[in-house]
Amino acid sequence: MTALRTALHIPFRLARGLRPGRRGGALAAAVVLVAVVSGAARPVAAEPSAAAGVGRPAADPMAALTFLLGDYRCTWTDLTVQPPTTSVLTWSTRTVLGGRNRPGAGTGHGTGTGHGTGTGKASYQEMRLTGDGFAGRWVFGWNSVDAEYFSYYYDDAGTIGHSTSPGWAADGHLRFAGPYSGYGADILSQDDITVVDARHFTDRASVRADASGPWLPFADVACTRK
């Protein structure tokens, strides 16, 4: 946390003219944060959570992510500025591709293990993130070959990234970790998601330069179903 406090005074956001609440903006400041801690932000490989995944339904792994579906009002607290600032975003998530590519569905495309025409829950969910002058997309899915969840993120600020997760851990957390790029640097980012109840979940976003460095928090998100 000492390194975090040291980095918070850097006027990176002001130099870029970024608005609070933008994942790309907070990530840009986080790039500077990690550079201060590690000496340089550099490309890294995706690293799943160290906690063992539990509770992945065998018939439909995506059932474990249904809490994301629907429309949420999310308060985004940017921890890279002092004092922290809070903005409001809308996170709206839907299943996509009409249920196709559901694990074990249909008989098309060769073996029929994941490329058929099933009508169950889709293997993919697309989240649309919107706010004041901001738009982004976050896609979630299940990789049946490697038996893990994946996500892809991109926004109109030019931030892109992908991550993986072994699933819900024994401590009740769902952690997606992987490399993100933006503002001239690559960085490892983690989203630590916890379901509070049927209408609420939280996401603690952190960054680090490589697998050996500490996770440094850069945003807290609290979402309430509309």
Protein backbone atom coordinates (compact mmCIF):
# COMPACT_ATOMS: atom_id res chain seq x y z
CA MET A 1 0.00 0.00 0.00
CA THR A 2 2.98 2.33 0.50
CA ALA A 3 3.80 2.01 -3.18
CA LEU A 4 0.16 2.71 -4.01
CA ARG A 5 0.15 5.91 -1.98
CA THR A 6 3.43 6.95 -3.62
CA ALA A 7 1.97 6.53 -7.10
CA LEU A 8 -1.34 8.28 -6.45
CA HIS A 9 0.10 11.78 -6.77
CA ILE A 10 1.17 11.25 -10.39
CA PRO A 11 -1.09 13.49 -12.54
CA PHE A 12 -1.43 10.87 -15.26
CA ARG A 13 -5.19 11.15 -15.57
CA LEU A 14 -5.03 14.93 -15.83
CA ALA A 15 -2.40 14.72 -18.56
CA ARG A 16 -4.61 12.37 -20.54
CA GLY A 17 -7.79 14.32 -19.84
CA LEU A 18 -9.59 11.16 -18.77
CA ARG A 19 -12.92 11.04 -16.95
CA PRO A 20 -13.51 9.09 -13.75
CA GLY A 21 -15.31 5.79 -14.14
CA ARG A 22 -13.61 4.71 -17.34
CA ARG A 23 -11.95 1.34 -16.98
CA GLY A 24 -9.38 2.45 -19.53
CA GLY A 25 -8.65 5.62 -17.58
CA ALA A 26 -8.19 3.81 -14.30
CA LEU A 27 -6.08 1.19 -16.05
CA ALA A 28 -3.91 3.92 -17.54
CA ALA A 29 -3.19 5.25 -14.07
CA ALA A 30 -2.61 1.71 -12.89
CA VAL A 31 0.07 1.29 -15.57
CA VAL A 32 1.93 4.17 -13.96
CA LEU A 33 1.28 2.66 -10.54
CA VAL A 34 2.89 -0.64 -11.51
CA ALA A 35 5.76 1.14 -13.25
CA VAL A 36 6.58 2.90 -10.00
CA VAL A 37 6.50 -0.37 -8.08
CA SER A 38 8.34 -2.61 -10.54
CA GLY A 39 10.49 -0.21 -12.50
CA ALA A 40 8.66 -0.85 -15.80
CA ALA A 41 5.35 -2.21 -17.04
CA ARG A 42 6.05 -5.09 -19.42
CA PRO A 43 4.14 -7.80 -21.29
CA VAL A 44 3.02 -10.72 -19.17
CA ALA A 45 1.21 -14.00 -19.65
CA ALA A 46 -2.24 -14.75 -18.30
CA GLU A 47 -2.29 -16.31 -14.85
CA PRO A 48 -5.38 -17.91 -13.36
CA SER A 49 -6.20 -17.60 -9.70
CA ALA A 50 -4.19 -19.74 -7.34
CA ALA A 51 -7.39 -20.86 -5.60
CA ALA A 52 -8.91 -24.08 -6.86
CA GLY A 53 -12.15 -23.68 -8.80
CA VAL A 54 -15.23 -25.26 -7.33
CA GLY A 55 -18.88 -25.52 -8.24
CA ARG A 56 -18.69 -25.61 -12.04
CA PRO A 57 -21.88 -27.34 -13.24
CA ALA A 58 -20.98 -30.31 -15.48
CA ALA A 59 -24.00 -29.97 -17.80
CA ASP A 60 -23.76 -26.23 -18.36
CA PRO A 61 -20.70 -24.43 -16.95
CA MET A 62 -22.16 -21.05 -17.93
CA ALA A 63 -24.88 -21.52 -15.32
CA ALA A 64 -22.26 -20.38 -12.80
CA LEU A 65 -22.19 -16.96 -14.48
CA THR A 66 -25.94 -16.35 -14.71
CA PHE A 67 -25.68 -13.80 -11.89
CA LEU A 68 -24.17 -11.43 -14.48
CA LEU A 69 -27.24 -11.54 -16.71
CA GLY A 70 -29.52 -8.52 -16.67
CA ASP A 71 -29.06 -4.81 -16.09
CA TYR A 72 -27.02 -3.43 -13.21
CA ARG A 73 -26.31 0.03 -11.85
CA CYS A 74 -22.65 -0.02 -10.83
CA THR A 75 -20.69 2.47 -8.75
CA TRP A 76 -17.08 2.56 -9.89
CA THR A 77 -14.59 3.85 -7.31
CA ASP A 78 -11.25 4.79 -8.83
CA LEU A 79 -8.51 4.02 -6.31
CA THR A 80 -5.71 5.48 -8.45
CA VAL A 81 -6.54 9.07 -7.47
CA GLN A 82 -6.53 10.72 -4.06
CA PRO A 83 -9.10 11.07 -2.74
CA PRO A 84 -10.80 8.20 -4.64
CA THR A 85 -13.55 9.26 -7.04
CA THR A 86 -16.81 7.42 -7.74
CA SER A 87 -18.79 7.31 -10.98
CA VAL A 88 -21.91 5.45 -12.05
CA LEU A 89 -21.95 2.97 -14.91
CA THR A 90 -24.51 0.60 -16.38
CA TRP A 91 -23.45 -3.01 -16.90
CA SER A 92 -25.96 -4.91 -19.07
CA THR A 93 -25.31 -8.56 -19.88
CA ARG A 94 -27.09 -10.88 -22.31
CA THR A 95 -26.48 -14.36 -23.70
CA VAL A 96 -25.40 -14.26 -27.35
CA LEU A 97 -25.31 -16.53 -30.41
CA GLY A 98 -28.70 -18.02 -29.64
CA GLY A 99 -27.44 -20.88 -27.49
CA ARG A 100 -25.14 -22.30 -30.15
CA ASN A 101 -21.75 -23.68 -29.15
CA ARG A 102 -23.25 -24.90 -25.89
CA PRO A 103 -21.10 -27.72 -24.45
CA GLY A 104 -22.41 -31.06 -25.76
CA ALA A 105 -25.10 -29.50 -27.96
CA GLY A 106 -26.01 -30.70 -31.44
CA THR A 107 -24.17 -32.77 -33.99
CA GLY A 108 -22.75 -30.22 -36.41
CA HIS A 109 -19.12 -29.53 -37.32
CA GLY A 110 -17.47 -32.88 -36.83
CA THR A 111 -17.77 -34.54 -33.43
CA GLY A 112 -20.69 -32.48 -32.16
CA THR A 113 -18.95 -31.64 -28.88
CA GLY A 114 -19.67 -27.96 -28.68
CA HIS A 115 -20.51 -26.81 -32.24
CA GLY A 116 -24.11 -27.90 -32.66
CA THR A 117 -27.42 -26.13 -32.68
CA GLY A 118 -28.49 -26.49 -29.08
CA THR A 119 -31.18 -24.24 -27.64
CA GLY A 120 -29.96 -24.06 -24.05
CA LYS A 121 -27.96 -21.30 -22.41
CA ALA A 122 -25.35 -19.77 -24.69
CA SER A 123 -21.69 -20.48 -24.11
CA TYR A 124 -21.10 -16.74 -24.32
CA GLN A 125 -22.36 -13.71 -22.43
CA GLU A 126 -21.75 -10.16 -23.64
CA MET A 127 -21.69 -7.30 -21.16
CA ARG A 128 -22.22 -3.76 -22.42
CA LEU A 129 -20.65 -1.13 -20.18
CA THR A 130 -21.85 2.44 -20.58
CA GLY A 131 -21.28 5.66 -18.70
CA ASP A 132 -20.59 9.34 -19.17
CA GLY A 133 -18.80 9.44 -22.52
CA PHE A 134 -17.74 5.82 -22.25
CA ALA A 135 -18.61 2.51 -23.92
CA GLY A 136 -17.08 -0.93 -23.55
CA ARG A 137 -17.74 -4.61 -24.13
CA TRP A 138 -16.84 -7.58 -21.94
CA VAL A 139 -17.48 -11.09 -23.29
CA PHE A 140 -17.48 -14.20 -21.09
CA GLY A 141 -17.45 -17.85 -22.09
CA TRP A 142 -16.40 -21.40 -21.26
CA ASN A 143 -13.37 -23.13 -22.80
CA SER A 144 -14.28 -26.82 -22.79
CA VAL A 145 -10.83 -27.89 -23.99
CA ASP A 146 -8.93 -26.32 -21.09
CA ALA A 147 -11.88 -26.51 -18.68
CA GLU A 148 -11.76 -22.85 -17.70
CA TYR A 149 -13.72 -19.64 -18.14
CA PHE A 150 -12.42 -16.87 -20.38
CA SER A 151 -13.21 -13.23 -21.00
CA TYR A 152 -12.35 -10.62 -23.62
CA TYR A 153 -12.58 -6.89 -22.94
CA TYR A 154 -12.37 -3.79 -25.17
CA ASP A 155 -13.57 -0.19 -24.95
CA ASP A 156 -13.65 3.06 -26.88
CA ALA A 157 -10.60 4.33 -24.95
CA GLY A 158 -8.48 1.72 -26.73
CA THR A 159 -8.03 -0.63 -23.78
CA ILE A 160 -8.10 -4.32 -24.67
CA GLY A 161 -7.52 -7.45 -22.63
CA HIS A 162 -8.32 -11.08 -22.03
CA SER A 163 -8.38 -13.24 -18.94
CA THR A 164 -9.15 -16.71 -17.63
CA SER A 165 -10.63 -18.19 -14.48
CA PRO A 166 -10.72 -21.71 -13.03
CA GLY A 167 -14.19 -20.93 -11.66
CA TRP A 168 -15.64 -20.23 -8.25
CA ALA A 169 -13.02 -20.75 -5.54
CA ALA A 170 -13.60 -22.32 -2.16
CA ASP A 171 -13.51 -18.86 -0.57
CA GLY A 172 -16.55 -17.76 -2.61
CA HIS A 173 -14.65 -15.60 -5.09
CA LEU A 174 -14.55 -15.73 -8.90
CA ARG A 175 -11.21 -14.39 -10.14
CA PHE A 176 -10.39 -13.58 -13.75
CA ALA A 177 -6.74 -12.71 -14.43
CA GLY A 178 -4.86 -11.96 -17.63
CA PRO A 179 -2.96 -9.41 -19.72
CA TYR A 180 -4.42 -6.04 -20.66
CA SER A 181 -2.99 -3.46 -23.06
CA GLY A 182 -3.53 0.27 -23.33
CA TYR A 183 -1.79 3.63 -23.18
CA GLY A 184 1.51 2.25 -24.44
CA ALA A 185 1.96 -0.60 -21.97
CA ASP A 186 0.94 -4.14 -21.10
CA ILE A 187 -0.10 -5.08 -17.60
CA LEU A 188 -1.57 -8.04 -15.72
CA SER A 189 -5.07 -7.34 -14.39
CA GLN A 190 -7.34 -9.28 -12.03
CA ASP A 191 -11.07 -8.98 -11.40
CA ASP A 192 -12.04 -10.49 -8.04
CA ILE A 193 -15.82 -10.96 -8.14
CA THR A 194 -18.06 -11.78 -5.19
CA VAL A 195 -21.83 -12.31 -5.24
CA VAL A 196 -23.43 -10.57 -2.25
CA ASP A 197 -27.01 -11.72 -2.90
CA ALA A 198 -29.48 -12.11 -5.77
CA ARG A 199 -29.35 -8.38 -6.55
CA HIS A 200 -25.78 -7.41 -5.73
CA PHE A 201 -22.21 -8.33 -6.64
CA THR A 202 -18.85 -6.63 -6.26
CA ASP A 203 -15.63 -6.56 -8.30
CA ARG A 204 -12.23 -5.62 -6.82
CA ALA A 205 -9.90 -4.83 -9.74
CA SER A 206 -6.15 -5.06 -9.22
CA VAL A 207 -2.99 -4.95 -11.33
CA ARG A 208 0.61 -6.13 -11.21
CA ALA A 209 3.59 -6.16 -13.53
CA ASP A 210 4.27 -9.90 -13.41
CA ALA A 211 3.35 -13.08 -11.59
CA SER A 212 5.86 -12.41 -8.81
CA GLY A 213 4.63 -8.93 -7.92
CA PRO A 214 1.91 -7.93 -5.46
CA TRP A 215 -1.64 -7.22 -6.61
CA LEU A 216 -2.27 -3.45 -6.36
CA PRO A 217 -5.96 -2.40 -6.20
CA PHE A 218 -7.03 0.19 -8.75
CA ALA A 219 -10.86 0.08 -8.63
CA ASP A 220 -13.77 -1.12 -6.51
CA VAL A 221 -17.07 -1.80 -8.27
CA ALA A 222 -20.40 -2.40 -6.52
CA CYS A 223 -23.31 -3.43 -8.74
CA THR A 224 -27.06 -3.46 -7.95
CA ARG A 225 -29.61 -5.12 -10.21
CA LYS A 226 -32.11 -2.66 -11.69
